[in-house]
C-alpha atoms as a PDB file:
ATOM      1  CA  MET A   1     -11.156  69.665  -5.095  1.00  0.00           C
ATOM      2  CA  SER A   2      -7.945  67.296  -6.512  1.00  0.00           C
ATOM      3  CA  THR A   3      -8.791  64.513  -8.232  1.00  0.00           C
ATOM      4  CA  ASP A   4      -4.563  63.721  -7.547  1.00  0.00           C
ATOM      5  CA  THR A   5      -3.740  61.184  -5.581  1.00  0.00           C
ATOM      6  CA  PRO A   6      -0.574  61.566  -4.252  1.00  0.00           C
ATOM      7  CA  ASP A   7       0.120  57.911  -2.925  1.00  0.00           C
ATOM      8  CA  ALA A   8      -0.207  56.683  -6.597  1.00  0.00           C
ATOM      9  CA  PRO A   9       2.804  55.177  -8.695  1.00  0.00           C
ATOM     10  CA  ALA A  10       3.637  57.354 -11.989  1.00  0.00           C
ATOM     11  CA  GLU A  11       2.444  56.407 -14.935  1.00  0.00           C
ATOM     12  CA  ASN A  12       5.547  54.757 -16.307  1.00  0.00           C
ATOM     13  CA  GLY A  13       7.138  53.573 -12.872  1.00  0.00           C
ATOM     14  CA  PRO A  14       7.145  51.378  -9.735  1.00  0.00           C
ATOM     15  CA  ALA A  15       6.065  53.128  -7.391  1.00  0.00           C
ATOM     16  CA  GLU A  16       8.355  54.103  -4.350  1.00  0.00           C
ATOM     17  CA  GLY A  17       9.457  51.459  -2.513  1.00  0.00           C
ATOM     18  CA  ALA A  18       7.933  48.612  -4.777  1.00  0.00           C
ATOM     19  CA  PRO A  19      10.567  45.347  -5.801  1.00  0.00           C
ATOM     20  CA  SER A  20      11.672  45.751  -9.814  1.00  0.00           C
ATOM     21  CA  ARG A  21      10.917  43.449 -12.480  1.00  0.00           C
ATOM     22  CA  ALA A  22      13.939  42.289 -12.095  1.00  0.00           C
ATOM     23  CA  GLU A  23      13.951  41.629  -8.741  1.00  0.00           C
ATOM     24  CA  LEU A  24      10.958  39.908  -8.811  1.00  0.00           C
ATOM     25  CA  ALA A  25      11.446  37.548 -11.092  1.00  0.00           C
ATOM     26  CA  ALA A  26      14.326  36.500  -9.269  1.00  0.00           C
ATOM     27  CA  ARG A  27      12.026  35.719  -6.398  1.00  0.00           C
ATOM     28  CA  VAL A  28       9.743  33.994  -8.729  1.00  0.00           C
ATOM     29  CA  ASP A  29      12.440  31.796  -9.897  1.00  0.00           C
ATOM     30  CA  GLU A  30      13.021  31.279  -6.293  1.00  0.00           C
ATOM     31  CA  LEU A  31       9.757  30.192  -5.553  1.00  0.00           C
ATOM     32  CA  GLU A  32       9.554  27.971  -8.278  1.00  0.00           C
ATOM     33  CA  ASP A  33      12.977  26.548  -7.603  1.00  0.00           C
ATOM     34  CA  ALA A  34      11.319  25.156  -4.237  1.00  0.00           C
ATOM     35  CA  LEU A  35       7.858  24.159  -5.220  1.00  0.00           C
ATOM     36  CA  ALA A  36      10.399  21.685  -7.266  1.00  0.00           C
ATOM     37  CA  GLU A  37      12.237  20.614  -4.257  1.00  0.00           C
ATOM     38  CA  ALA A  38       9.360  20.520  -2.107  1.00  0.00           C
ATOM     39  CA  THR A  39       7.500  17.642  -4.908  1.00  0.00           C
ATOM     40  CA  ALA A  40      11.123  16.291  -5.617  1.00  0.00           C
ATOM     41  CA  GLU A  41      11.325  15.187  -1.860  1.00  0.00           C
ATOM     42  CA  ASP A  42       7.560  14.261  -1.112  1.00  0.00           C
ATOM     43  CA  GLY A  43       8.228  11.288  -3.538  1.00  0.00           C
ATOM     44  CA  GLY A  44       5.175  10.235  -5.288  1.00  0.00           C
ATOM     45  CA  LYS A  45       1.945   8.654  -4.587  1.00  0.00           C
ATOM     46  CA  LYS A  46       0.744   6.953  -1.828  1.00  0.00           C
ATOM     47  CA  MET A  47      -0.673   3.467  -0.592  1.00  0.00           C
ATOM     48  CA  SER A  48      -2.012   2.001   1.647  1.00  0.00           C
ATOM     49  CA  ILE A  49      -3.412  -1.404   2.118  1.00  0.00           C
ATOM     50  CA  ILE A  50      -4.392  -3.530   5.285  1.00  0.00           C
ATOM     51  CA  ALA A  51      -4.276  -6.832   4.616  1.00  0.00           C
ATOM     52  CA  THR A  52      -6.482  -9.212   7.236  1.00  0.00           C
ATOM     53  CA  LYS A  53      -7.369 -12.517   5.597  1.00  0.00           C
ATOM     54  CA  GLY A  54      -4.812 -15.718   5.625  1.00  0.00           C
ATOM     55  CA  THR A  55      -7.031 -18.039   2.525  1.00  0.00           C
ATOM     56  CA  LEU A  56      -5.247 -19.247  -0.687  1.00  0.00           C
ATOM     57  CA  ASP A  57      -7.940 -16.923  -2.629  1.00  0.00           C
ATOM     58  CA  MET A  58      -7.939 -13.285  -0.065  1.00  0.00           C
ATOM     59  CA  ALA A  59      -3.906 -13.883   0.119  1.00  0.00           C
ATOM     60  CA  TYR A  60      -4.149 -12.530  -3.545  1.00  0.00           C
ATOM     61  CA  PRO A  61      -5.533  -8.678  -3.853  1.00  0.00           C
ATOM     62  CA  PRO A  62      -3.086  -7.768  -1.245  1.00  0.00           C
ATOM     63  CA  LEU A  63      -0.222  -9.131  -2.677  1.00  0.00           C
ATOM     64  CA  ILE A  64      -1.386  -8.003  -6.504  1.00  0.00           C
ATOM     65  CA  LEU A  65      -2.220  -4.930  -5.842  1.00  0.00           C
ATOM     66  CA  ALA A  66       0.686  -4.072  -4.160  1.00  0.00           C
ATOM     67  CA  SER A  67       3.227  -5.535  -6.450  1.00  0.00           C
ATOM     68  CA  THR A  68       1.224  -3.385  -9.341  1.00  0.00           C
ATOM     69  CA  ALA A  69       1.440  -0.195  -8.029  1.00  0.00           C
ATOM     70  CA  ALA A  70       4.652  -0.086  -6.963  1.00  0.00           C
ATOM     71  CA  ALA A  71       5.305  -0.550 -11.017  1.00  0.00           C
ATOM     72  CA  PHE A  72       3.338   2.076 -11.359  1.00  0.00           C
ATOM     73  CA  GLY A  73       5.785   4.197  -9.012  1.00  0.00           C
ATOM     74  CA  TYR A  74       3.462   4.008  -5.513  1.00  0.00           C
ATOM     75  CA  GLU A  75       5.459   3.854  -2.216  1.00  0.00           C
ATOM     76  CA  VAL A  76       2.985   1.002  -1.044  1.00  0.00           C
ATOM     77  CA  THR A  77       2.605  -0.397   2.486  1.00  0.00           C
ATOM     78  CA  VAL A  78       0.651  -3.225   3.189  1.00  0.00           C
ATOM     79  CA  PHE A  79       0.284  -3.778   7.170  1.00  0.00           C
ATOM     80  CA  THR A  80      -1.229  -7.564   8.024  1.00  0.00           C
ATOM     81  CA  THR A  81      -2.616  -8.398  11.228  1.00  0.00           C
ATOM     82  CA  PHE A  82      -5.712 -11.147  12.869  1.00  0.00           C
ATOM     83  CA  TRP A  83      -5.011 -14.159   9.769  1.00  0.00           C
ATOM     84  CA  GLY A  84      -3.185 -11.863   7.174  1.00  0.00           C
ATOM     85  CA  LEU A  85      -0.409 -12.860   8.553  1.00  0.00           C
ATOM     86  CA  ASP A  86      -0.158 -16.306   7.327  1.00  0.00           C
ATOM     87  CA  MET A  87       1.056 -14.902   3.662  1.00  0.00           C
ATOM     88  CA  LEU A  88       4.152 -13.239   5.614  1.00  0.00           C
ATOM     89  CA  HIS A  89       4.397 -16.483   7.222  1.00  0.00           C
ATOM     90  CA  GLU A  90       7.227 -19.017   5.505  1.00  0.00           C
ATOM     91  CA  GLU A  91       5.963 -22.223   6.134  1.00  0.00           C
ATOM     92  CA  ARG A  92       2.211 -21.265   5.992  1.00  0.00           C
ATOM     93  CA  SER A  93       2.158 -19.019   3.375  1.00  0.00           C
ATOM     94  CA  LYS A  94       3.030 -22.190   1.580  1.00  0.00           C
ATOM     95  CA  SER A  95      -0.055 -24.319   2.747  1.00  0.00           C
ATOM     96  CA  LEU A  96      -2.581 -21.472   2.582  1.00  0.00           C
ATOM     97  CA  GLN A  97      -6.294 -22.440   2.596  1.00  0.00           C
ATOM     98  CA  LEU A  98      -9.259 -21.539  -0.172  1.00  0.00           C
ATOM     99  CA  SER A  99     -12.110 -21.857   2.235  1.00  0.00           C
ATOM    100  CA  SER A 100     -15.415 -23.585   0.578  1.00  0.00           C
ATOM    101  CA  VAL A 101     -18.469 -22.480   3.135  1.00  0.00           C
ATOM    102  CA  GLY A 102     -19.628 -19.534   2.374  1.00  0.00           C
ATOM    103  CA  ASN A 103     -17.932 -18.769  -0.701  1.00  0.00           C
ATOM    104  CA  PRO A 104     -21.348 -17.968  -3.101  1.00  0.00           C
ATOM    105  CA  ASN A 105     -18.740 -18.541  -6.398  1.00  0.00           C
ATOM    106  CA  MET A 106     -17.406 -22.356  -5.181  1.00  0.00           C
ATOM    107  CA  PRO A 107     -18.597 -24.589  -7.637  1.00  0.00           C
ATOM    108  CA  VAL A 108     -19.905 -27.139  -4.927  1.00  0.00           C
ATOM    109  CA  PRO A 109     -23.007 -26.012  -2.542  1.00  0.00           C
ATOM    110  CA  ASN A 110     -22.538 -25.116   1.079  1.00  0.00           C
ATOM    111  CA  ALA A 111     -24.060 -28.452   2.254  1.00  0.00           C
ATOM    112  CA  VAL A 112     -20.986 -30.104   0.183  1.00  0.00           C
ATOM    113  CA  ALA A 113     -18.879 -27.857   1.144  1.00  0.00           C
ATOM    114  CA  ALA A 114     -18.822 -28.311   4.619  1.00  0.00           C
ATOM    115  CA  LEU A 115     -18.091 -31.812   4.125  1.00  0.00           C
ATOM    116  CA  PRO A 116     -14.904 -32.236   6.053  1.00  0.00           C
ATOM    117  CA  GLY A 117     -11.798 -32.593   3.863  1.00  0.00           C
ATOM    118  CA  MET A 118     -13.473 -29.971   1.271  1.00  0.00           C
ATOM    119  CA  ASP A 119     -11.499 -27.132   1.624  1.00  0.00           C
ATOM    120  CA  ARG A 120      -8.611 -29.451   1.256  1.00  0.00           C
ATOM    121  CA  VAL A 121     -10.297 -30.784  -1.836  1.00  0.00           C
ATOM    122  CA  THR A 122     -11.287 -27.387  -3.615  1.00  0.00           C
ATOM    123  CA  THR A 123      -8.029 -25.951  -2.773  1.00  0.00           C
ATOM    124  CA  LYS A 124      -6.363 -28.434  -4.631  1.00  0.00           C
ATOM    125  CA  MET A 125      -8.682 -27.496  -7.321  1.00  0.00           C
ATOM    126  CA  MET A 126      -7.124 -23.670  -6.927  1.00  0.00           C
ATOM    127  CA  GLU A 127      -3.211 -24.570  -7.132  1.00  0.00           C
ATOM    128  CA  LYS A 128      -3.782 -26.879 -10.352  1.00  0.00           C
ATOM    129  CA  ARG A 129      -5.756 -23.440 -11.644  1.00  0.00           C
ATOM    130  CA  ILE A 130      -3.069 -21.645 -10.460  1.00  0.00           C
ATOM    131  CA  THR A 131      -0.227 -23.525 -11.848  1.00  0.00           C
ATOM    132  CA  ASP A 132      -1.891 -24.190 -14.951  1.00  0.00           C
ATOM    133  CA  ASN A 133      -2.148 -20.859 -15.789  1.00  0.00           C
ATOM    134  CA  ASP A 134       1.224 -19.930 -15.107  1.00  0.00           C
ATOM    135  CA  THR A 135      -0.413 -17.301 -12.477  1.00  0.00           C
ATOM    136  CA  ALA A 136       2.710 -16.519  -9.787  1.00  0.00           C
ATOM    137  CA  THR A 137       2.009 -18.224  -6.382  1.00  0.00           C
ATOM    138  CA  VAL A 138       2.396 -16.520  -2.593  1.00  0.00           C
ATOM    139  CA  GLU A 139       5.063 -17.330  -2.584  1.00  0.00           C
ATOM    140  CA  GLU A 140       6.160 -16.036  -6.078  1.00  0.00           C
ATOM    141  CA  LEU A 141       4.231 -12.216  -5.130  1.00  0.00           C
ATOM    142  CA  LEU A 142       5.333 -11.546  -1.746  1.00  0.00           C
ATOM    143  CA  GLU A 143       9.101 -11.868  -2.535  1.00  0.00           C
ATOM    144  CA  THR A 144       9.010  -9.966  -6.311  1.00  0.00           C
ATOM    145  CA  SER A 145       6.363  -7.051  -4.203  1.00  0.00           C
ATOM    146  CA  LEU A 146       9.466  -7.460  -1.152  1.00  0.00           C
ATOM    147  CA  GLU A 147      12.037  -6.382  -4.513  1.00  0.00           C
ATOM    148  CA  MET A 148      10.175  -3.514  -5.790  1.00  0.00           C
ATOM    149  CA  GLY A 149      10.085  -1.297  -2.035  1.00  0.00           C
ATOM    150  CA  VAL A 150       6.831  -2.821  -0.749  1.00  0.00           C
ATOM    151  CA  GLU A 151       7.025  -2.621   3.379  1.00  0.00           C
ATOM    152  CA  PHE A 152       5.457  -5.599   4.530  1.00  0.00           C
ATOM    153  CA  GLN A 153       4.775  -4.543   8.154  1.00  0.00           C
ATOM    154  CA  ALA A 154       2.934  -7.479  11.239  1.00  0.00           C
ATOM    155  CA  CYS A 155       0.867  -6.239  13.381  1.00  0.00           C
ATOM    156  CA  GLN A 156       2.687  -6.572  17.007  1.00  0.00           C
ATOM    157  CA  MET A 157      -0.338  -6.790  19.128  1.00  0.00           C
ATOM    158  CA  THR A 158      -1.274 -10.108  16.236  1.00  0.00           C
ATOM    159  CA  ILE A 159       2.267 -11.762  16.276  1.00  0.00           C
ATOM    160  CA  GLU A 160       1.396 -11.312  20.542  1.00  0.00           C
ATOM    161  CA  LEU A 161      -1.798 -13.121  20.059  1.00  0.00           C
ATOM    162  CA  MET A 162      -0.946 -15.699  17.627  1.00  0.00           C
ATOM    163  CA  ASP A 163       2.125 -17.075  19.750  1.00  0.00           C
ATOM    164  CA  TYR A 164       4.825 -16.206  16.577  1.00  0.00           C
ATOM    165  CA  ASP A 165       7.418 -16.147  16.006  1.00  0.00           C
ATOM    166  CA  GLU A 166       9.415 -13.199  14.616  1.00  0.00           C
ATOM    167  CA  ASP A 167      12.380 -15.206  12.794  1.00  0.00           C
ATOM    168  CA  ASP A 168       9.410 -17.334  10.804  1.00  0.00           C
ATOM    169  CA  PHE A 169       8.673 -14.432   8.390  1.00  0.00           C
ATOM    170  CA  TYR A 170      10.359 -13.324   5.378  1.00  0.00           C
ATOM    171  CA  ASP A 171      13.411 -11.730   5.365  1.00  0.00           C
ATOM    172  CA  GLY A 172      12.450  -8.570   4.909  1.00  0.00           C
ATOM    173  CA  VAL A 173       8.988  -8.092   6.795  1.00  0.00           C
ATOM    174  CA  THR A 174       9.214  -5.725   8.960  1.00  0.00           C
ATOM    175  CA  THR A 175       7.257  -6.924  12.436  1.00  0.00           C
ATOM    176  CA  GLY A 176       6.724  -5.264  15.631  1.00  0.00           C
ATOM    177  CA  VAL A 177       4.365  -2.363  13.849  1.00  0.00           C
ATOM    178  CA  GLY A 178       1.002  -1.385  15.705  1.00  0.00           C
ATOM    179  CA  ALA A 179      -2.477   0.277  15.109  1.00  0.00           C
ATOM    180  CA  ALA A 180      -0.346   3.612  15.346  1.00  0.00           C
ATOM    181  CA  THR A 181       1.221   4.114  12.118  1.00  0.00           C
ATOM    182  CA  ALA A 182      -0.595   1.849  10.471  1.00  0.00           C
ATOM    183  CA  ILE A 183      -3.112   4.552  10.616  1.00  0.00           C
ATOM    184  CA  GLN A 184      -0.077   7.203   9.718  1.00  0.00           C
ATOM    185  CA  ASP A 185       0.907   5.672   7.189  1.00  0.00           C
ATOM    186  CA  MET A 186      -3.365   5.265   5.888  1.00  0.00           C
ATOM    187  CA  ALA A 187      -3.962   9.040   6.335  1.00  0.00           C
ATOM    188  CA  GLU A 188      -0.741   9.842   4.559  1.00  0.00           C
ATOM    189  CA  ALA A 189      -1.761   8.069   2.107  1.00  0.00           C
ATOM    190  CA  ASP A 190      -3.211   8.614  -1.864  1.00  0.00           C
ATOM    191  CA  ILE A 191      -4.865   5.377  -1.373  1.00  0.00           C
ATOM    192  CA  GLN A 192      -5.919   2.967   1.732  1.00  0.00           C
ATOM    193  CA  LEU A 193      -7.726  -0.623   0.547  1.00  0.00           C
ATOM    194  CA  LEU A 194      -8.724  -2.312   3.669  1.00  0.00           C
ATOM    195  CA  VAL A 195      -8.447  -6.419   1.788  1.00  0.00           C
END
């Protein structure tokens, strides 16, 4: 019985029909170029935010997160639905209220917070803090985010439900967006947030 294997490659050379080192090196370079191109086309990381609240204090989290992520190079989409649309509405965004009832961090007890006019009082208190601390307004954060390339989407069903006029939203806001688009965007995002 012989231990010779006729199909084995010679000790110092490639097997018959096998690619040469130069051909393998060329193929590795080709694959590396294709990988680099695919990575460049990917465009980096994506963040998807769903904003559902329309109070003054709840307009800040999606706007701050969106503008910060955009500053770090993320592709950011903010899908607004129900009361969240108010922060994209040019008129309504300037008069967002702070809800004092049910907010455990408010400096007034719920029994007092429920009195007529208390939402206006607590809103004025918050607006004073915003001014005193030189914090950006909702409008300023929104405009900055739009300039940074954040895509704000307004839910079409909510636009119709609330009887909003699409022309009343800030320039640059994408209207007519449905839940299916938002879900697709979330599926493609690296980070998904519900605010």
